[in-house]
Amino acid sequence: MVYKTKGKRIQMFSDSLLVVGQVEGKLKARDSRMQGYLTQVRCMQSKFESFSLLHISRCGNTHADSLATLATSSAESLPQVTLVEDLWKPTETSGNAIRIFQIRAGPSWMDPIVTFLKDDILSREKSEADKVGRKAPQFWLFEDRKLYKRSFSGPYLLCMHPEATDLLLEELHERICGSHTRGRYLAHRALTQGYWWLNM
């Protein structure tokens, strides 16, 4: 991302002592997959005038972890084009496949909640307004209009549009996650990946 925006200097932080040690050359990457990632890092290093990766304690990295979770678990506001980069072959230095999916989303259960949280507007029908008013505290609206389900025991979960859930389940089942799971375990997998939808 920094390279694509023509940045010349980059300073990064990681709470993984193993990764930092391998990048600095203090530790050896023995696993073939880690060697592949390290090759990618070496390739990227040559593209910057200054490249720095510093170790930071895990307790001091919680904010960055939260931002990373949001960045990796959320797609652009629907309806738009979502870019998914397949990184299941880290040893390849070129030819990474980029799969593009376009989702045209119609109205959904999220719309009244988003409207209420953003503009404080409720339906004129009392029963519907009461229902949205009761549900709204369970959700949080990000500034880009992405809706998240609040969680008291873990990270907030990105609310998925009903028309996007099939694509997500397909990805979890066959592609990105590489698991061939079914039923309840697949739904649980979606939760652990940071996603939530109605009636899941």
N, C-alpha and C. Protein backbone atom coordinates (compact mmCIF):
# COMPACT_ATOMS: atom_id res chain seq x y z
N MET A 1 0.83 -1.20 0.00
CA MET A 1 0.00 0.00 0.00
C MET A 1 0.87 1.26 0.00
N VAL A 2 1.91 1.26 0.84
CA VAL A 2 2.81 2.40 0.89
C VAL A 2 3.54 2.56 -0.44
N TYR A 3 3.94 1.44 -1.03
CA TYR A 3 4.65 1.48 -2.31
C TYR A 3 3.75 2.01 -3.41
N LYS A 4 2.48 1.59 -3.41
CA LYS A 4 1.55 2.03 -4.45
C LYS A 4 1.25 3.51 -4.35
N THR A 5 1.38 4.08 -3.15
CA THR A 5 1.18 5.52 -3.00
C THR A 5 2.49 6.29 -3.16
N LYS A 6 3.53 5.58 -3.65
CA LYS A 6 4.84 6.17 -3.97
C LYS A 6 5.59 6.66 -2.73
N GLY A 7 5.36 5.99 -1.62
CA GLY A 7 6.11 6.31 -0.41
C GLY A 7 7.56 5.83 -0.54
N LYS A 8 8.49 6.55 0.00
CA LYS A 8 9.92 6.22 -0.10
C LYS A 8 10.47 5.61 1.18
N ARG A 9 9.85 5.93 2.29
CA ARG A 9 10.33 5.44 3.58
C ARG A 9 9.19 4.78 4.34
N ILE A 10 9.48 3.69 5.00
CA ILE A 10 8.44 2.98 5.74
C ILE A 10 8.99 2.49 7.07
N GLN A 11 8.23 2.70 8.12
CA GLN A 11 8.57 2.21 9.45
C GLN A 11 7.37 1.44 9.98
N MET A 12 7.60 0.16 10.30
CA MET A 12 6.52 -0.71 10.73
C MET A 12 6.83 -1.29 12.10
N PHE A 13 5.77 -1.77 12.76
CA PHE A 13 5.91 -2.38 14.07
C PHE A 13 5.20 -3.72 14.08
N SER A 14 5.73 -4.65 14.82
CA SER A 14 5.12 -5.97 14.94
C SER A 14 5.32 -6.49 16.35
N ASP A 15 4.29 -7.20 16.86
CA ASP A 15 4.43 -7.79 18.19
C ASP A 15 4.98 -9.22 18.11
N SER A 16 5.35 -9.63 16.90
CA SER A 16 5.94 -10.96 16.71
C SER A 16 7.46 -10.87 16.72
N LEU A 17 8.07 -11.33 17.80
CA LEU A 17 9.53 -11.30 17.91
C LEU A 17 10.16 -12.20 16.85
N LEU A 18 9.46 -13.29 16.50
CA LEU A 18 9.97 -14.21 15.49
C LEU A 18 10.07 -13.54 14.13
N VAL A 19 8.99 -12.86 13.74
CA VAL A 19 8.97 -12.20 12.42
C VAL A 19 10.02 -11.10 12.35
N VAL A 20 10.10 -10.27 13.39
CA VAL A 20 11.08 -9.18 13.41
C VAL A 20 12.49 -9.74 13.35
N GLY A 21 12.74 -10.81 14.11
CA GLY A 21 14.06 -11.42 14.12
C GLY A 21 14.45 -11.99 12.78
N GLN A 22 13.50 -12.57 12.07
CA GLN A 22 13.79 -13.13 10.74
C GLN A 22 14.06 -12.02 9.73
N VAL A 23 13.29 -10.95 9.79
CA VAL A 23 13.50 -9.84 8.86
C VAL A 23 14.86 -9.18 9.12
N GLU A 24 15.24 -9.04 10.39
CA GLU A 24 16.52 -8.43 10.73
C GLU A 24 17.70 -9.37 10.50
N GLY A 25 17.42 -10.63 10.25
CA GLY A 25 18.49 -11.59 10.01
C GLY A 25 19.06 -12.21 11.28
N LYS A 26 18.43 -11.91 12.42
CA LYS A 26 18.92 -12.47 13.68
C LYS A 26 18.43 -13.91 13.89
N LEU A 27 17.29 -14.23 13.26
CA LEU A 27 16.74 -15.58 13.34
C LEU A 27 16.60 -16.14 11.93
N LYS A 28 16.67 -17.46 11.82
CA LYS A 28 16.58 -18.10 10.53
C LYS A 28 15.16 -18.60 10.30
N ALA A 29 14.65 -18.38 9.10
CA ALA A 29 13.32 -18.88 8.73
C ALA A 29 13.47 -20.33 8.27
N ARG A 30 13.05 -21.25 9.10
CA ARG A 30 13.21 -22.68 8.79
C ARG A 30 12.01 -23.23 8.03
N ASP A 31 10.84 -22.75 8.36
CA ASP A 31 9.63 -23.22 7.70
C ASP A 31 9.58 -22.70 6.26
N SER A 32 9.18 -23.55 5.32
CA SER A 32 9.18 -23.17 3.90
C SER A 32 8.21 -22.01 3.63
N ARG A 33 7.08 -22.00 4.35
CA ARG A 33 6.12 -20.92 4.14
C ARG A 33 6.69 -19.60 4.64
N MET A 34 7.34 -19.61 5.82
CA MET A 34 7.95 -18.39 6.33
C MET A 34 9.09 -17.92 5.43
N GLN A 35 9.80 -18.86 4.83
CA GLN A 35 10.86 -18.49 3.88
C GLN A 35 10.27 -17.76 2.68
N GLY A 36 9.08 -18.22 2.26
CA GLY A 36 8.41 -17.56 1.14
C GLY A 36 8.02 -16.14 1.48
N TYR A 37 7.46 -15.95 2.70
CA TYR A 37 7.09 -14.60 3.13
C TYR A 37 8.33 -13.72 3.27
N LEU A 38 9.41 -14.30 3.78
CA LEU A 38 10.63 -13.53 3.95
C LEU A 38 11.20 -13.08 2.60
N THR A 39 11.06 -13.94 1.60
CA THR A 39 11.49 -13.58 0.24
C THR A 39 10.69 -12.38 -0.27
N GLN A 40 9.39 -12.39 0.03
CA GLN A 40 8.54 -11.27 -0.38
C GLN A 40 8.99 -9.98 0.31
N VAL A 41 9.34 -10.08 1.59
CA VAL A 41 9.79 -8.90 2.34
C VAL A 41 11.08 -8.36 1.76
N ARG A 42 12.02 -9.25 1.46
CA ARG A 42 13.29 -8.82 0.87
C ARG A 42 13.07 -8.10 -0.46
N CYS A 43 12.12 -8.61 -1.23
CA CYS A 43 11.80 -7.98 -2.51
C CYS A 43 11.23 -6.58 -2.30
N MET A 44 10.37 -6.42 -1.31
CA MET A 44 9.77 -5.13 -1.03
C MET A 44 10.78 -4.15 -0.43
N GLN A 45 11.72 -4.67 0.36
CA GLN A 45 12.72 -3.80 0.99
C GLN A 45 13.50 -3.01 -0.05
N SER A 46 13.81 -3.65 -1.16
CA SER A 46 14.63 -3.01 -2.19
C SER A 46 13.92 -1.85 -2.88
N LYS A 47 12.61 -1.73 -2.66
CA LYS A 47 11.84 -0.69 -3.33
C LYS A 47 11.74 0.59 -2.51
N PHE A 48 12.31 0.58 -1.30
CA PHE A 48 12.23 1.74 -0.43
C PHE A 48 13.62 2.29 -0.11
N GLU A 49 13.68 3.59 0.07
CA GLU A 49 14.94 4.21 0.50
C GLU A 49 15.24 3.85 1.95
N SER A 50 14.20 3.73 2.75
CA SER A 50 14.35 3.38 4.16
C SER A 50 13.26 2.39 4.54
N PHE A 51 13.68 1.25 5.13
CA PHE A 51 12.75 0.19 5.50
C PHE A 51 13.07 -0.26 6.92
N SER A 52 12.11 -0.08 7.84
CA SER A 52 12.37 -0.40 9.24
C SER A 52 11.21 -1.20 9.82
N LEU A 53 11.55 -2.31 10.49
CA LEU A 53 10.56 -3.12 11.18
C LEU A 53 11.00 -3.28 12.63
N LEU A 54 10.23 -2.73 13.56
CA LEU A 54 10.61 -2.72 14.97
C LEU A 54 9.67 -3.60 15.78
N HIS A 55 10.21 -4.20 16.82
CA HIS A 55 9.40 -5.03 17.69
C HIS A 55 8.71 -4.18 18.75
N ILE A 56 7.44 -4.52 19.02
CA ILE A 56 6.67 -3.83 20.04
C ILE A 56 5.94 -4.90 20.86
N SER A 57 5.77 -4.66 22.14
CA SER A 57 5.12 -5.65 22.99
C SER A 57 3.67 -5.85 22.57
N ARG A 58 3.13 -7.04 22.82
CA ARG A 58 1.76 -7.34 22.43
C ARG A 58 0.76 -6.41 23.11
N CYS A 59 1.01 -6.10 24.39
CA CYS A 59 0.09 -5.21 25.11
C CYS A 59 0.13 -3.80 24.55
N GLY A 60 1.22 -3.42 23.91
CA GLY A 60 1.31 -2.09 23.33
C GLY A 60 0.85 -2.03 21.90
N ASN A 61 0.35 -3.15 21.39
CA ASN A 61 -0.03 -3.22 19.98
C ASN A 61 -1.52 -3.50 19.79
N THR A 62 -2.30 -3.37 20.87
CA THR A 62 -3.72 -3.72 20.77
C THR A 62 -4.49 -2.79 19.83
N HIS A 63 -4.13 -1.51 19.83
CA HIS A 63 -4.84 -0.57 18.95
C HIS A 63 -4.59 -0.92 17.48
N ALA A 64 -3.32 -1.21 17.15
CA ALA A 64 -3.00 -1.59 15.77
C ALA A 64 -3.68 -2.89 15.39
N ASP A 65 -3.76 -3.84 16.32
CA ASP A 65 -4.45 -5.09 16.05
C ASP A 65 -5.91 -4.85 15.73
N SER A 66 -6.54 -3.94 16.47
CA SER A 66 -7.94 -3.62 16.23
C SER A 66 -8.14 -3.00 14.86
N LEU A 67 -7.24 -2.09 14.48
CA LEU A 67 -7.32 -1.47 13.15
C LEU A 67 -7.10 -2.50 12.06
N ALA A 68 -6.15 -3.43 12.30
CA ALA A 68 -5.89 -4.47 11.31
C ALA A 68 -7.10 -5.39 11.15
N THR A 69 -7.76 -5.68 12.26
CA THR A 69 -8.96 -6.51 12.21
C THR A 69 -10.04 -5.84 11.39
N LEU A 70 -10.23 -4.54 11.62
CA LEU A 70 -11.23 -3.81 10.84
C LEU A 70 -10.86 -3.79 9.36
N ALA A 71 -9.58 -3.56 9.08
CA ALA A 71 -9.14 -3.44 7.69
C ALA A 71 -9.29 -4.75 6.94
N THR A 72 -8.99 -5.86 7.59
CA THR A 72 -9.03 -7.14 6.90
C THR A 72 -10.39 -7.78 6.90
N SER A 73 -11.27 -7.36 7.79
CA SER A 73 -12.57 -8.00 7.87
C SER A 73 -13.66 -7.21 7.18
N SER A 74 -13.37 -5.97 6.75
CA SER A 74 -14.42 -5.14 6.16
C SER A 74 -14.17 -4.92 4.68
N ALA A 75 -15.24 -4.82 3.96
CA ALA A 75 -15.18 -4.49 2.54
C ALA A 75 -15.70 -3.08 2.36
N GLU A 76 -15.54 -2.55 1.14
CA GLU A 76 -16.03 -1.20 0.89
C GLU A 76 -17.55 -1.18 1.03
N SER A 77 -18.10 -0.02 1.31
CA SER A 77 -19.54 0.11 1.51
C SER A 77 -20.28 -0.46 0.30
N LEU A 78 -21.24 -1.31 0.56
CA LEU A 78 -22.03 -1.90 -0.50
C LEU A 78 -23.02 -0.87 -1.03
N PRO A 79 -23.39 -0.86 -2.32
CA PRO A 79 -22.84 -1.74 -3.34
C PRO A 79 -21.62 -1.15 -4.01
N GLN A 80 -20.53 -1.89 -4.03
CA GLN A 80 -19.31 -1.48 -4.70
C GLN A 80 -18.54 -2.73 -5.11
N VAL A 81 -17.39 -2.53 -5.69
CA VAL A 81 -16.55 -3.66 -6.07
C VAL A 81 -15.61 -3.99 -4.91
N THR A 82 -15.56 -5.24 -4.54
CA THR A 82 -14.69 -5.68 -3.46
C THR A 82 -13.51 -6.43 -4.06
N LEU A 83 -12.29 -5.98 -3.75
CA LEU A 83 -11.09 -6.65 -4.24
C LEU A 83 -10.61 -7.66 -3.21
N VAL A 84 -10.40 -8.89 -3.65
CA VAL A 84 -9.91 -9.94 -2.78
C VAL A 84 -8.62 -10.48 -3.36
N GLU A 85 -7.51 -10.31 -2.66
CA GLU A 85 -6.21 -10.78 -3.13
C GLU A 85 -5.90 -12.12 -2.49
N ASP A 86 -5.69 -13.13 -3.33
CA ASP A 86 -5.45 -14.48 -2.85
C ASP A 86 -3.96 -14.65 -2.55
N LEU A 87 -3.60 -14.85 -1.27
CA LEU A 87 -2.20 -14.96 -0.86
C LEU A 87 -1.87 -16.36 -0.37
N TRP A 88 -2.48 -17.38 -0.94
CA TRP A 88 -2.27 -18.73 -0.44
C TRP A 88 -0.96 -19.34 -0.94
N LYS A 89 -0.22 -18.65 -1.82
CA LYS A 89 1.08 -19.13 -2.28
C LYS A 89 2.14 -18.07 -1.98
N PRO A 90 2.62 -17.96 -0.73
CA PRO A 90 3.56 -16.90 -0.36
C PRO A 90 4.93 -17.04 -1.00
N THR A 91 5.28 -18.23 -1.53
CA THR A 91 6.62 -18.42 -2.08
C THR A 91 6.76 -17.83 -3.48
N GLU A 92 5.66 -17.47 -4.11
CA GLU A 92 5.74 -16.89 -5.43
C GLU A 92 5.96 -15.38 -5.32
N THR A 93 6.94 -14.87 -6.07
CA THR A 93 7.25 -13.44 -6.01
C THR A 93 6.48 -12.64 -7.05
N SER A 94 5.75 -13.34 -7.91
CA SER A 94 4.96 -12.63 -8.91
C SER A 94 3.77 -13.49 -9.30
N GLY A 95 2.84 -12.87 -9.97
CA GLY A 95 1.71 -13.61 -10.47
C GLY A 95 0.63 -13.90 -9.45
N ASN A 96 0.58 -13.14 -8.36
CA ASN A 96 -0.50 -13.34 -7.38
C ASN A 96 -1.85 -13.05 -8.03
N ALA A 97 -2.77 -13.97 -7.87
CA ALA A 97 -4.09 -13.81 -8.49
C ALA A 97 -4.93 -12.84 -7.68
N ILE A 98 -5.60 -11.96 -8.37
CA ILE A 98 -6.55 -11.04 -7.73
C ILE A 98 -7.93 -11.34 -8.28
N ARG A 99 -8.80 -11.78 -7.39
CA ARG A 99 -10.16 -12.10 -7.81
C ARG A 99 -11.06 -10.93 -7.46
N ILE A 100 -11.89 -10.54 -8.39
CA ILE A 100 -12.76 -9.39 -8.20
C ILE A 100 -14.20 -9.85 -8.24
N PHE A 101 -14.94 -9.48 -7.20
CA PHE A 101 -16.35 -9.82 -7.12
C PHE A 101 -17.14 -8.52 -7.03
N GLN A 102 -18.24 -8.46 -7.75
CA GLN A 102 -19.09 -7.29 -7.69
C GLN A 102 -20.43 -7.68 -7.08
N ILE A 103 -20.81 -6.96 -6.05
CA ILE A 103 -22.06 -7.25 -5.34
C ILE A 103 -22.96 -6.03 -5.43
N ARG A 104 -24.11 -6.22 -6.05
CA ARG A 104 -25.09 -5.13 -6.11
C ARG A 104 -26.14 -5.42 -5.04
N ALA A 105 -26.10 -4.62 -4.00
CA ALA A 105 -26.93 -4.91 -2.83
C ALA A 105 -28.21 -4.09 -2.86
N GLY A 106 -29.30 -4.77 -2.52
CA GLY A 106 -30.58 -4.10 -2.41
C GLY A 106 -30.86 -3.74 -0.95
N PRO A 107 -32.09 -3.38 -0.65
CA PRO A 107 -32.47 -3.05 0.74
C PRO A 107 -32.25 -4.24 1.66
N SER A 108 -31.96 -3.97 2.91
CA SER A 108 -31.74 -5.06 3.87
C SER A 108 -32.18 -4.64 5.26
N TRP A 109 -32.12 -5.57 6.21
CA TRP A 109 -32.50 -5.32 7.59
C TRP A 109 -31.61 -4.26 8.24
N MET A 110 -30.41 -4.03 7.67
CA MET A 110 -29.47 -3.08 8.26
C MET A 110 -29.87 -1.63 8.01
N ASP A 111 -30.60 -1.38 6.94
CA ASP A 111 -30.88 0.00 6.52
C ASP A 111 -31.55 0.85 7.60
N PRO A 112 -32.64 0.38 8.26
CA PRO A 112 -33.27 1.21 9.30
C PRO A 112 -32.34 1.50 10.47
N ILE A 113 -31.49 0.53 10.83
CA ILE A 113 -30.57 0.72 11.94
C ILE A 113 -29.49 1.74 11.57
N VAL A 114 -28.97 1.61 10.35
CA VAL A 114 -27.96 2.56 9.87
C VAL A 114 -28.53 3.97 9.82
N THR A 115 -29.75 4.10 9.30
CA THR A 115 -30.40 5.42 9.21
C THR A 115 -30.60 6.03 10.59
N PHE A 116 -30.99 5.19 11.55
CA PHE A 116 -31.22 5.69 12.91
C PHE A 116 -29.90 6.11 13.57
N LEU A 117 -28.87 5.29 13.44
CA LEU A 117 -27.59 5.60 14.07
C LEU A 117 -26.90 6.80 13.41
N LYS A 118 -27.10 6.96 12.12
CA LYS A 118 -26.43 8.05 11.40
C LYS A 118 -27.21 9.36 11.49
N ASP A 119 -28.53 9.28 11.25
CA ASP A 119 -29.32 10.52 11.15
C ASP A 119 -30.37 10.66 12.24
N ASP A 120 -30.45 9.66 13.14
CA ASP A 120 -31.44 9.68 14.23
C ASP A 120 -32.86 9.75 13.68
N ILE A 121 -33.11 8.99 12.61
CA ILE A 121 -34.43 8.97 11.98
C ILE A 121 -35.03 7.58 12.15
N LEU A 122 -36.28 7.53 12.59
CA LEU A 122 -37.00 6.28 12.78
C LEU A 122 -38.20 6.22 11.84
N SER A 123 -38.70 5.00 11.65
CA SER A 123 -39.89 4.80 10.82
C SER A 123 -41.10 5.47 11.46
N ARG A 124 -42.07 5.86 10.63
CA ARG A 124 -43.30 6.46 11.15
C ARG A 124 -44.21 5.41 11.80
N GLU A 125 -43.97 4.13 11.44
CA GLU A 125 -44.74 3.06 12.06
C GLU A 125 -44.18 2.79 13.45
N LYS A 126 -45.01 2.92 14.46
CA LYS A 126 -44.55 2.83 15.85
C LYS A 126 -43.91 1.48 16.15
N SER A 127 -44.53 0.39 15.69
CA SER A 127 -43.99 -0.93 15.99
C SER A 127 -42.59 -1.11 15.40
N GLU A 128 -42.42 -0.64 14.16
CA GLU A 128 -41.11 -0.74 13.51
C GLU A 128 -40.09 0.17 14.19
N ALA A 129 -40.54 1.37 14.57
CA ALA A 129 -39.64 2.31 15.25
C ALA A 129 -39.19 1.76 16.59
N ASP A 130 -40.14 1.14 17.33
CA ASP A 130 -39.79 0.56 18.62
C ASP A 130 -38.79 -0.59 18.45
N LYS A 131 -38.99 -1.39 17.42
CA LYS A 131 -38.10 -2.52 17.18
C LYS A 131 -36.68 -2.05 16.87
N VAL A 132 -36.58 -1.03 16.02
CA VAL A 132 -35.25 -0.49 15.68
C VAL A 132 -34.61 0.16 16.90
N GLY A 133 -35.42 0.86 17.69
CA GLY A 133 -34.91 1.50 18.89
C GLY A 133 -34.36 0.51 19.90
N ARG A 134 -34.97 -0.67 19.96
CA ARG A 134 -34.48 -1.70 20.89
C ARG A 134 -33.20 -2.36 20.37
N LYS A 135 -33.12 -2.53 19.06
CA LYS A 135 -31.98 -3.22 18.48
C LYS A 135 -30.75 -2.32 18.33
N ALA A 136 -30.96 -1.04 18.10
CA ALA A 136 -29.87 -0.12 17.78
C ALA A 136 -28.70 -0.15 18.78
N PRO A 137 -28.94 -0.21 20.09
CA PRO A 137 -27.81 -0.23 21.03
C PRO A 137 -26.89 -1.43 20.87
N GLN A 138 -27.36 -2.46 20.16
CA GLN A 138 -26.53 -3.65 19.95
C GLN A 138 -25.53 -3.46 18.81
N PHE A 139 -25.62 -2.31 18.13
CA PHE A 139 -24.79 -2.09 16.95
C PHE A 139 -23.99 -0.79 17.07
N TRP A 140 -22.95 -0.70 16.23
CA TRP A 140 -22.11 0.50 16.17
C TRP A 140 -21.85 0.82 14.71
N LEU A 141 -22.01 2.09 14.36
CA LEU A 141 -21.85 2.52 12.97
C LEU A 141 -20.53 3.25 12.81
N PHE A 142 -19.68 2.73 11.93
CA PHE A 142 -18.40 3.38 11.65
C PHE A 142 -18.65 4.56 10.72
N GLU A 143 -17.68 5.45 10.62
CA GLU A 143 -17.87 6.69 9.84
C GLU A 143 -18.07 6.42 8.35
N ASP A 144 -17.66 5.25 7.86
CA ASP A 144 -17.85 4.93 6.44
C ASP A 144 -19.15 4.16 6.21
N ARG A 145 -20.05 4.19 7.21
CA ARG A 145 -21.37 3.57 7.16
C ARG A 145 -21.31 2.05 7.23
N LYS A 146 -20.22 1.50 7.68
CA LYS A 146 -20.16 0.06 7.93
C LYS A 146 -20.76 -0.19 9.31
N LEU A 147 -21.64 -1.16 9.37
CA LEU A 147 -22.35 -1.48 10.62
C LEU A 147 -21.67 -2.66 11.30
N TYR A 148 -21.46 -2.52 12.61
CA TYR A 148 -20.81 -3.58 13.39
C TYR A 148 -21.71 -4.02 14.54
N LYS A 149 -21.70 -5.32 14.80
CA LYS A 149 -22.41 -5.88 15.94
C LYS A 149 -21.51 -5.76 17.16
N ARG A 150 -22.02 -5.13 18.20
CA ARG A 150 -21.23 -4.96 19.42
C ARG A 150 -21.00 -6.32 20.08
N SER A 151 -19.82 -6.45 20.70
CA SER A 151 -19.49 -7.67 21.43
C SER A 151 -18.84 -7.27 22.73
N PHE A 152 -19.26 -7.89 23.81
CA PHE A 152 -18.70 -7.57 25.12
C PHE A 152 -17.53 -8.47 25.48
N SER A 153 -17.34 -9.54 24.73
CA SER A 153 -16.27 -10.48 25.04
C SER A 153 -15.24 -10.60 23.93
N GLY A 154 -15.37 -9.78 22.88
CA GLY A 154 -14.43 -9.88 21.77
C GLY A 154 -14.54 -8.67 20.87
N PRO A 155 -13.91 -8.72 19.69
CA PRO A 155 -13.97 -7.58 18.77
C PRO A 155 -15.35 -7.41 18.16
N TYR A 156 -15.66 -6.19 17.72
CA TYR A 156 -16.93 -5.95 17.05
C TYR A 156 -16.95 -6.76 15.74
N LEU A 157 -18.14 -7.18 15.34
CA LEU A 157 -18.29 -8.03 14.16
C LEU A 157 -18.93 -7.23 13.03
N LEU A 158 -18.35 -7.33 11.84
CA LEU A 158 -18.87 -6.62 10.68
C LEU A 158 -20.18 -7.26 10.23
N CYS A 159 -21.23 -6.46 10.14
CA CYS A 159 -22.53 -6.95 9.70
C CYS A 159 -22.51 -7.12 8.18
N MET A 160 -22.87 -8.31 7.73
CA MET A 160 -22.84 -8.61 6.31
C MET A 160 -24.22 -8.43 5.69
N HIS A 161 -24.25 -7.87 4.50
CA HIS A 161 -25.49 -7.74 3.75
C HIS A 161 -25.95 -9.14 3.35
N PRO A 162 -27.26 -9.42 3.40
CA PRO A 162 -27.74 -10.76 3.04
C PRO A 162 -27.26 -11.26 1.69
N GLU A 163 -27.07 -10.34 0.73
CA GLU A 163 -26.64 -10.75 -0.60
C GLU A 163 -25.14 -11.04 -0.66
N ALA A 164 -24.42 -10.73 0.41
CA ALA A 164 -22.98 -10.97 0.43
C ALA A 164 -22.61 -12.21 1.23
N THR A 165 -23.56 -12.76 1.96
CA THR A 165 -23.22 -13.88 2.85
C THR A 165 -22.85 -15.14 2.07
N ASP A 166 -23.52 -15.40 0.95
CA ASP A 166 -23.19 -16.60 0.18
C ASP A 166 -21.76 -16.56 -0.33
N LEU A 167 -21.32 -15.37 -0.78
CA LEU A 167 -19.95 -15.23 -1.26
C LEU A 167 -18.96 -15.44 -0.12
N LEU A 168 -19.28 -14.88 1.04
CA LEU A 168 -18.39 -15.05 2.19
C LEU A 168 -18.29 -16.51 2.58
N LEU A 169 -19.42 -17.19 2.66
CA LEU A 169 -19.41 -18.61 3.03
C LEU A 169 -18.65 -19.44 2.00
N GLU A 170 -18.78 -19.08 0.74
CA GLU A 170 -18.04 -19.78 -0.31
C GLU A 170 -16.54 -19.61 -0.12
N GLU A 171 -16.13 -18.38 0.22
CA GLU A 171 -14.72 -18.12 0.44
C GLU A 171 -14.20 -18.89 1.66
N LEU A 172 -14.97 -18.89 2.74
CA LEU A 172 -14.56 -19.62 3.94
C LEU A 172 -14.53 -21.12 3.69
N HIS A 173 -15.43 -21.58 2.86
CA HIS A 173 -15.56 -23.02 2.63
C HIS A 173 -14.51 -23.58 1.68
N GLU A 174 -14.19 -22.83 0.62
CA GLU A 174 -13.37 -23.41 -0.43
C GLU A 174 -12.07 -22.68 -0.74
N ARG A 175 -12.05 -21.36 -0.57
CA ARG A 175 -10.93 -20.63 -1.16
C ARG A 175 -9.98 -20.09 -0.12
N ILE A 176 -10.24 -18.86 0.36
CA ILE A 176 -9.26 -18.16 1.17
C ILE A 176 -8.86 -18.95 2.39
N CYS A 177 -9.82 -19.45 3.15
CA CYS A 177 -9.51 -20.16 4.38
C CYS A 177 -9.10 -21.60 4.12
N GLY A 178 -9.43 -22.12 2.96
CA GLY A 178 -8.97 -23.45 2.61
C GLY A 178 -9.59 -24.57 3.41
N SER A 179 -10.69 -24.34 4.10
CA SER A 179 -11.31 -25.39 4.90
C SER A 179 -12.58 -25.87 4.21
N HIS A 180 -12.87 -27.13 4.38
CA HIS A 180 -14.08 -27.69 3.79
C HIS A 180 -15.02 -28.09 4.91
N THR A 181 -15.57 -27.09 5.57
CA THR A 181 -16.43 -27.31 6.73
C THR A 181 -17.87 -27.02 6.36
N ARG A 182 -18.77 -27.48 7.19
CA ARG A 182 -20.19 -27.30 6.90
C ARG A 182 -20.94 -26.89 8.15
N GLY A 183 -22.20 -26.48 7.91
CA GLY A 183 -23.14 -26.27 8.99
C GLY A 183 -22.70 -25.27 10.03
N ARG A 184 -22.94 -25.67 11.30
CA ARG A 184 -22.69 -24.75 12.40
C ARG A 184 -21.22 -24.35 12.51
N TYR A 185 -20.32 -25.28 12.21
CA TYR A 185 -18.91 -24.95 12.33
C TYR A 185 -18.52 -23.86 11.34
N LEU A 186 -19.12 -23.89 10.15
CA LEU A 186 -18.83 -22.86 9.15
C LEU A 186 -19.32 -21.50 9.63
N ALA A 187 -20.51 -21.46 10.25
CA ALA A 187 -21.02 -20.21 10.81
C ALA A 187 -20.12 -19.72 11.94
N HIS A 188 -19.65 -20.67 12.76
CA HIS A 188 -18.73 -20.29 13.84
C HIS A 188 -17.43 -19.75 13.26
N ARG A 189 -16.98 -20.34 12.15
CA ARG A 189 -15.76 -19.86 11.49
C ARG A 189 -15.94 -18.42 11.02
N ALA A 190 -17.12 -18.11 10.51
CA ALA A 190 -17.40 -16.74 10.07
C ALA A 190 -17.33 -15.78 11.25
N LEU A 191 -17.87 -16.19 12.40
CA LEU A 191 -17.82 -15.36 13.60
C LEU A 191 -16.38 -15.09 14.03
N THR A 192 -15.56 -16.13 14.02
CA THR A 192 -14.17 -15.97 14.45
C THR A 192 -13.37 -15.13 13.46
N GLN A 193 -13.85 -15.04 12.21
CA GLN A 193 -13.18 -14.21 11.22
C GLN A 193 -13.66 -12.75 11.27
N GLY A 194 -14.67 -12.49 12.15
CA GLY A 194 -15.10 -11.11 12.35
C GLY A 194 -16.35 -10.70 11.60
N TYR A 195 -17.19 -11.68 11.21
CA TYR A 195 -18.39 -11.38 10.44
C TYR A 195 -19.64 -11.78 11.22
N TRP A 196 -20.74 -11.10 10.93
CA TRP A 196 -22.03 -11.41 11.57
C TRP A 196 -23.15 -11.02 10.64
N TRP A 197 -24.21 -11.83 10.63
CA TRP A 197 -25.41 -11.45 9.90
C TRP A 197 -26.62 -12.02 10.61
N LEU A 198 -27.77 -11.51 10.22
CA LEU A 198 -29.02 -11.89 10.86
C LEU A 198 -29.32 -13.36 10.62
N ASN A 199 -29.77 -14.04 11.67
CA ASN A 199 -30.18 -15.46 11.58
C ASN A 199 -29.03 -16.40 11.25
N MET A 200 -27.82 -16.03 11.56
CA MET A 200 -26.71 -16.94 11.29
C MET A 200 -26.64 -18.03 12.36
